C-alpha atoms as a PDB file:
ATOM      1  CA  MET A   1       4.689 -25.533 -35.152  1.00  0.00           C
ATOM      2  CA  PHE A   2       3.957 -28.847 -36.859  1.00  0.00           C
ATOM      3  CA  GLY A   3       5.032 -30.546 -39.689  1.00  0.00           C
ATOM      4  CA  PHE A   4       4.723 -34.279 -41.030  1.00  0.00           C
ATOM      5  CA  ASN A   5       7.177 -36.933 -40.670  1.00  0.00           C
ATOM      6  CA  LYS A   6       7.547 -38.291 -44.401  1.00  0.00           C
ATOM      7  CA  ARG A   7       7.635 -42.050 -43.103  1.00  0.00           C
ATOM      8  CA  SER A   8       4.246 -41.980 -41.066  1.00  0.00           C
ATOM      9  CA  GLU A   9       2.334 -39.073 -42.406  1.00  0.00           C
ATOM     10  CA  GLU A  10       1.712 -38.129 -38.820  1.00  0.00           C
ATOM     11  CA  PRO A  11       2.054 -34.634 -37.197  1.00  0.00           C
ATOM     12  CA  GLU A  12       5.477 -33.796 -35.744  1.00  0.00           C
ATOM     13  CA  ASN A  13       6.403 -31.024 -33.516  1.00  0.00           C
ATOM     14  CA  LEU A  14       9.190 -28.964 -35.054  1.00  0.00           C
ATOM     15  CA  TYR A  15       9.274 -26.563 -32.073  1.00  0.00           C
ATOM     16  CA  GLU A  16      10.698 -27.977 -29.068  1.00  0.00           C
ATOM     17  CA  GLU A  17       9.515 -26.264 -26.080  1.00  0.00           C
ATOM     18  CA  PRO A  18      12.394 -24.966 -23.654  1.00  0.00           C
ATOM     19  CA  PRO A  19      12.128 -26.676 -20.017  1.00  0.00           C
ATOM     20  CA  VAL A  20      10.005 -25.115 -17.629  1.00  0.00           C
ATOM     21  CA  PRO A  21      12.316 -23.801 -14.635  1.00  0.00           C
ATOM     22  CA  GLU A  22      11.144 -24.265 -11.120  1.00  0.00           C
ATOM     23  CA  ILE A  23       8.574 -21.967 -10.210  1.00  0.00           C
ATOM     24  CA  LYS A  24       9.255 -19.656  -7.057  1.00  0.00           C
ATOM     25  CA  PRO A  25       6.409 -19.599  -4.513  1.00  0.00           C
ATOM     26  CA  CYS A  26       4.000 -16.634  -4.473  1.00  0.00           C
ATOM     27  CA  PRO A  27       5.596 -13.708  -2.584  1.00  0.00           C
ATOM     28  CA  ILE A  28       2.103 -12.726  -1.098  1.00  0.00           C
ATOM     29  CA  CYS A  29       0.539 -16.148   0.188  1.00  0.00           C
ATOM     30  CA  GLY A  30       3.490 -18.439  -0.256  1.00  0.00           C
ATOM     31  CA  LYS A  31       1.538 -21.233  -2.384  1.00  0.00           C
ATOM     32  CA  THR A  32       2.859 -22.469  -5.661  1.00  0.00           C
ATOM     33  CA  PRO A  33       1.500 -20.580  -8.644  1.00  0.00           C
ATOM     34  CA  SER A  34       0.325 -22.359 -11.694  1.00  0.00           C
ATOM     35  CA  VAL A  35       1.192 -21.768 -15.690  1.00  0.00           C
ATOM     36  CA  TYR A  36      -1.652 -21.845 -17.480  1.00  0.00           C
ATOM     37  CA  CYS A  37      -2.922 -21.751 -21.171  1.00  0.00           C
ATOM     38  CA  ALA A  38      -4.533 -18.067 -21.426  1.00  0.00           C
ATOM     39  CA  GLY A  39      -5.714 -18.706 -25.149  1.00  0.00           C
ATOM     40  CA  CYS A  40      -4.940 -19.971 -28.461  1.00  0.00           C
ATOM     41  CA  SER A  41      -4.234 -18.362 -31.773  1.00  0.00           C
ATOM     42  CA  MET A  42      -4.552 -19.750 -35.571  1.00  0.00           C
ATOM     43  CA  LEU A  43      -1.454 -19.563 -37.529  1.00  0.00           C
ATOM     44  CA  GLY A  44      -1.467 -18.825 -41.360  1.00  0.00           C
ATOM     45  CA  SER A  45      -0.646 -22.644 -41.760  1.00  0.00           C
ATOM     46  CA  GLY A  46      -3.977 -23.736 -40.007  1.00  0.00           C
ATOM     47  CA  ALA A  47      -1.664 -24.782 -36.895  1.00  0.00           C
ATOM     48  CA  SER A  48      -2.518 -23.357 -33.374  1.00  0.00           C
ATOM     49  CA  THR A  49      -0.285 -21.771 -30.914  1.00  0.00           C
ATOM     50  CA  GLY A  50      -0.895 -21.479 -27.136  1.00  0.00           C
ATOM     51  CA  PHE A  51      -0.322 -18.159 -25.116  1.00  0.00           C
ATOM     52  CA  TRP A  52       0.775 -18.834 -21.608  1.00  0.00           C
ATOM     53  CA  ASN A  53       0.575 -16.969 -18.304  1.00  0.00           C
ATOM     54  CA  CYS A  54       1.459 -17.718 -14.757  1.00  0.00           C
ATOM     55  CA  ARG A  55      -0.411 -16.528 -11.457  1.00  0.00           C
ATOM     56  CA  CYS A  56      -1.374 -17.790  -8.141  1.00  0.00           C
ATOM     57  CA  ILE A  57      -4.637 -19.215  -8.086  1.00  0.00           C
ATOM     58  CA  ASP A  58      -4.986 -19.079  -4.230  1.00  0.00           C
ATOM     59  CA  CYS A  59      -4.540 -15.148  -4.048  1.00  0.00           C
ATOM     60  CA  ASP A  60      -4.774 -14.277  -7.642  1.00  0.00           C
ATOM     61  CA  TYR A  61      -1.642 -12.392  -7.555  1.00  0.00           C
ATOM     62  CA  PRO A  62      -0.486 -10.447  -9.712  1.00  0.00           C
ATOM     63  CA  LYS A  63      -4.160  -9.165 -10.314  1.00  0.00           C
ATOM     64  CA  ARG A  64      -4.371  -7.148 -13.347  1.00  0.00           C
ATOM     65  CA  PRO A  65      -7.112  -4.576 -14.674  1.00  0.00           C
ATOM     66  CA  SER A  66      -9.680  -6.326 -16.762  1.00  0.00           C
ATOM     67  CA  GLY A  67      -8.319  -6.929 -20.420  1.00  0.00           C
ATOM     68  CA  LEU A  68      -4.668  -6.252 -19.257  1.00  0.00           C
ATOM     69  CA  SER A  69      -2.721  -9.393 -19.619  1.00  0.00           C
ATOM     70  CA  VAL A  70       0.839 -10.050 -20.477  1.00  0.00           C
ATOM     71  CA  ASN A  71       1.103 -13.665 -22.190  1.00  0.00           C
ATOM     72  CA  TYR A  72       3.920 -15.759 -23.464  1.00  0.00           C
ATOM     73  CA  CYS A  73       4.658 -18.108 -26.303  1.00  0.00           C
ATOM     74  CA  ASN A  74       5.748 -20.970 -23.976  1.00  0.00           C
ATOM     75  CA  LYS A  75       5.354 -21.995 -20.557  1.00  0.00           C
ATOM     76  CA  ALA A  76       9.311 -21.635 -19.826  1.00  0.00           C
ATOM     77  CA  ASP A  77       8.756 -17.891 -20.844  1.00  0.00           C
ATOM     78  CA  ALA A  78       5.867 -17.447 -18.341  1.00  0.00           C
ATOM     79  CA  ALA A  79       7.345 -19.305 -15.568  1.00  0.00           C
ATOM     80  CA  ASP A  80      10.749 -17.060 -16.004  1.00  0.00           C
ATOM     81  CA  HIS A  81       8.485 -13.831 -16.065  1.00  0.00           C
ATOM     82  CA  TRP A  82       6.837 -15.124 -12.765  1.00  0.00           C
ATOM     83  CA  ASN A  83      10.178 -15.815 -11.054  1.00  0.00           C
ATOM     84  CA  GLU A  84      11.375 -12.294 -12.024  1.00  0.00           C
ATOM     85  CA  LEU A  85       8.139 -10.648 -10.582  1.00  0.00           C
ATOM     86  CA  ALA A  86       8.518 -12.904  -7.479  1.00  0.00           C
ATOM     87  CA  ASP A  87      12.234 -11.763  -7.098  1.00  0.00           C
ATOM     88  CA  ARG A  88      11.113  -7.875  -7.489  1.00  0.00           C
ATOM     89  CA  SER A  89       8.080  -8.401  -5.134  1.00  0.00           C
ATOM     90  CA  GLU A  90      10.241  -9.976  -2.398  1.00  0.00           C
ATOM     91  CA  LYS A  91      12.765  -6.972  -2.826  1.00  0.00           C
ATOM     92  CA  THR A  92      10.023  -4.477  -2.259  1.00  0.00           C
ATOM     93  CA  LEU A  93       8.507  -6.374   0.826  1.00  0.00           C
ATOM     94  CA  ASP A  94      11.897  -6.674   2.468  1.00  0.00           C
ATOM     95  CA  ALA A  95      13.114  -3.166   1.800  1.00  0.00           C
ATOM     96  CA  PRO A  96      12.939  -0.929   4.783  1.00  0.00           C
ATOM     97  CA  LEU A  97      10.099   1.451   5.220  1.00  0.00           C
ATOM     98  CA  PRO A  98      10.873   5.050   5.525  1.00  0.00           C
ATOM     99  CA  GLU A  99       9.684   7.207   8.444  1.00  0.00           C
ATOM    100  CA  CYS A 100       7.016   9.863   7.554  1.00  0.00           C
ATOM    101  CA  PRO A 101       8.984  12.965   6.851  1.00  0.00           C
ATOM    102  CA  ILE A 102       6.343  14.918   8.917  1.00  0.00           C
ATOM    103  CA  CYS A 103       5.896  13.154  12.202  1.00  0.00           C
ATOM    104  CA  ASN A 104       9.245  10.946  11.840  1.00  0.00           C
ATOM    105  CA  LYS A 105       7.370   7.988  12.857  1.00  0.00           C
ATOM    106  CA  ARG A 106       7.629   4.806  11.250  1.00  0.00           C
ATOM    107  CA  PRO A 107       4.140   3.648   9.726  1.00  0.00           C
ATOM    108  CA  THR A 108       2.330   0.578  11.074  1.00  0.00           C
ATOM    109  CA  LEU A 109       0.173  -1.996   8.932  1.00  0.00           C
ATOM    110  CA  VAL A 110      -3.527  -1.358   9.541  1.00  0.00           C
ATOM    111  CA  GLU A 111      -6.052  -3.343   8.556  1.00  0.00           C
ATOM    112  CA  ILE A 112      -9.217  -1.886   7.372  1.00  0.00           C
ATOM    113  CA  VAL A 113     -12.001  -4.428   7.722  1.00  0.00           C
ATOM    114  CA  GLY A 114     -13.613  -5.496   4.421  1.00  0.00           C
ATOM    115  CA  LYS A 115     -11.525  -3.199   2.393  1.00  0.00           C
ATOM    116  CA  GLY A 116      -7.970  -4.115   2.772  1.00  0.00           C
ATOM    117  CA  MET A 117      -4.755  -2.668   4.349  1.00  0.00           C
ATOM    118  CA  VAL A 118      -2.822   0.524   4.385  1.00  0.00           C
ATOM    119  CA  TYR A 119       0.219   2.023   6.193  1.00  0.00           C
ATOM    120  CA  ASP A 120      -0.509   4.658   8.859  1.00  0.00           C
ATOM    121  CA  CYS A 121       1.753   6.708  11.073  1.00  0.00           C
ATOM    122  CA  GLY A 122      -1.086   8.414  12.909  1.00  0.00           C
ATOM    123  CA  CYS A 123       0.059  11.800  11.782  1.00  0.00           C
ATOM    124  CA  ASP A 124      -2.981  14.115  11.093  1.00  0.00           C
ATOM    125  CA  CYS A 125      -1.632  15.949   7.989  1.00  0.00           C
ATOM    126  CA  VAL A 126      -1.143  12.736   5.902  1.00  0.00           C
ATOM    127  CA  SER A 127      -3.906  11.356   3.574  1.00  0.00           C
ATOM    128  CA  ILE A 128      -4.244   7.596   3.898  1.00  0.00           C
ATOM    129  CA  SER A 129      -3.761   5.682   0.880  1.00  0.00           C
ATOM    130  CA  SER A 130      -6.586   3.392  -0.812  1.00  0.00           C
ATOM    131  CA  PRO A 131      -6.989  -0.060   0.991  1.00  0.00           C
ATOM    132  CA  SER A 132      -5.618  -2.718  -0.884  1.00  0.00           C
ATOM    133  CA  LEU A 133      -5.431  -6.633  -0.124  1.00  0.00           C
ATOM    134  CA  ASN A 134      -2.007  -6.709  -1.661  1.00  0.00           C
ATOM    135  CA  PRO A 135       0.867  -5.744   0.696  1.00  0.00           C
ATOM    136  CA  ILE A 136       3.237  -5.081  -2.074  1.00  0.00           C
ATOM    137  CA  GLU A 137       0.723  -2.283  -3.546  1.00  0.00           C
ATOM    138  CA  VAL A 138       0.144  -0.860  -0.096  1.00  0.00           C
ATOM    139  CA  LYS A 139       3.903  -0.485   0.482  1.00  0.00           C
ATOM    140  CA  LYS A 140       4.348   1.170  -2.861  1.00  0.00           C
ATOM    141  CA  ASP A 141       1.723   3.485  -1.997  1.00  0.00           C
ATOM    142  CA  TRP A 142       3.205   4.495   1.129  1.00  0.00           C
ATOM    143  CA  LEU A 143       6.440   4.945  -0.558  1.00  0.00           C
ATOM    144  CA  ARG A 144       4.852   7.373  -3.238  1.00  0.00           C
ATOM    145  CA  GLU A 145       3.011   9.083  -0.356  1.00  0.00           C
ATOM    146  CA  ALA A 146       6.442   9.625   1.523  1.00  0.00           C
ATOM    147  CA  ALA A 147       8.079  10.819  -1.628  1.00  0.00           C
ATOM    148  CA  ARG A 148       5.016  13.488  -2.127  1.00  0.00           C
ATOM    149  CA  ARG A 149       5.397  14.638   1.585  1.00  0.00           C
ATOM    150  CA  VAL A 150       9.142  15.184   1.048  1.00  0.00           C
ATOM    151  CA  ASP A 151       8.667  16.999  -1.892  1.00  0.00           C
ATOM    152  CA  TYR A 152       5.997  19.059  -0.213  1.00  0.00           C
ATOM    153  CA  LEU A 153       8.321  19.678   2.818  1.00  0.00           C
ATOM    154  CA  ARG A 154      10.982  20.967   0.316  1.00  0.00           C
ATOM    155  CA  ARG A 155       8.592  23.306  -1.242  1.00  0.00           C
ATOM    156  CA  LEU A 156       7.232  24.681   1.863  1.00  0.00           C
ATOM    157  CA  ARG A 157      10.818  25.492   3.219  1.00  0.00           C
ATOM    158  CA  SER A 158      11.426  27.137   0.000  1.00  0.00           C
ATOM    159  CA  CYS A 159       8.576  29.560   0.498  1.00  0.00           C
ATOM    160  CA  THR A 160       9.618  30.155   4.190  1.00  0.00           C
ATOM    161  CA  ASP A 161      13.064  31.055   2.720  1.00  0.00           C
ATOM    162  CA  VAL A 162      11.686  33.526   0.452  1.00  0.00           C
ATOM    163  CA  LEU A 163       9.324  34.962   2.943  1.00  0.00           C
ATOM    164  CA  SER A 164      12.043  35.482   5.757  1.00  0.00           C
ATOM    165  CA  ARG A 165      14.218  37.308   3.219  1.00  0.00           C
ATOM    166  CA  ASN A 166      11.597  40.125   2.834  1.00  0.00           C
END
């Protein structure tokens, strides 16, 4: 927000931007992301304000669907959000991967040329998730699929218990 300095009639910045924290490296490629102006908006007073975002330019992380974007009022908030995202992403990548509840094998990361990566345990009764270039999404897909398999086995055991009683 701007006002006028009574002595010089020049615009004066009435809003001091908070300092931008050190930005953590990208959890996908390790490069330094950039904070950029994602757009401007005119305020009722005629002054303009910027909307800020932070993403890795090298690997385009985090890639969001078209039209879906989270923007911040200043660079510091955008950098803080990035740092929180980087922390959560690193925790996801560092978390141990559960074995397949059907075959009890630990999955391996398999690259599908031209499409991306998937985790695969080699189990014939397992559907492979959609390939992705983002290892965090691939891991989340495996975790969802493993939870779905555990639920399937629980329901199957419940049905066999009912049938064995009859």
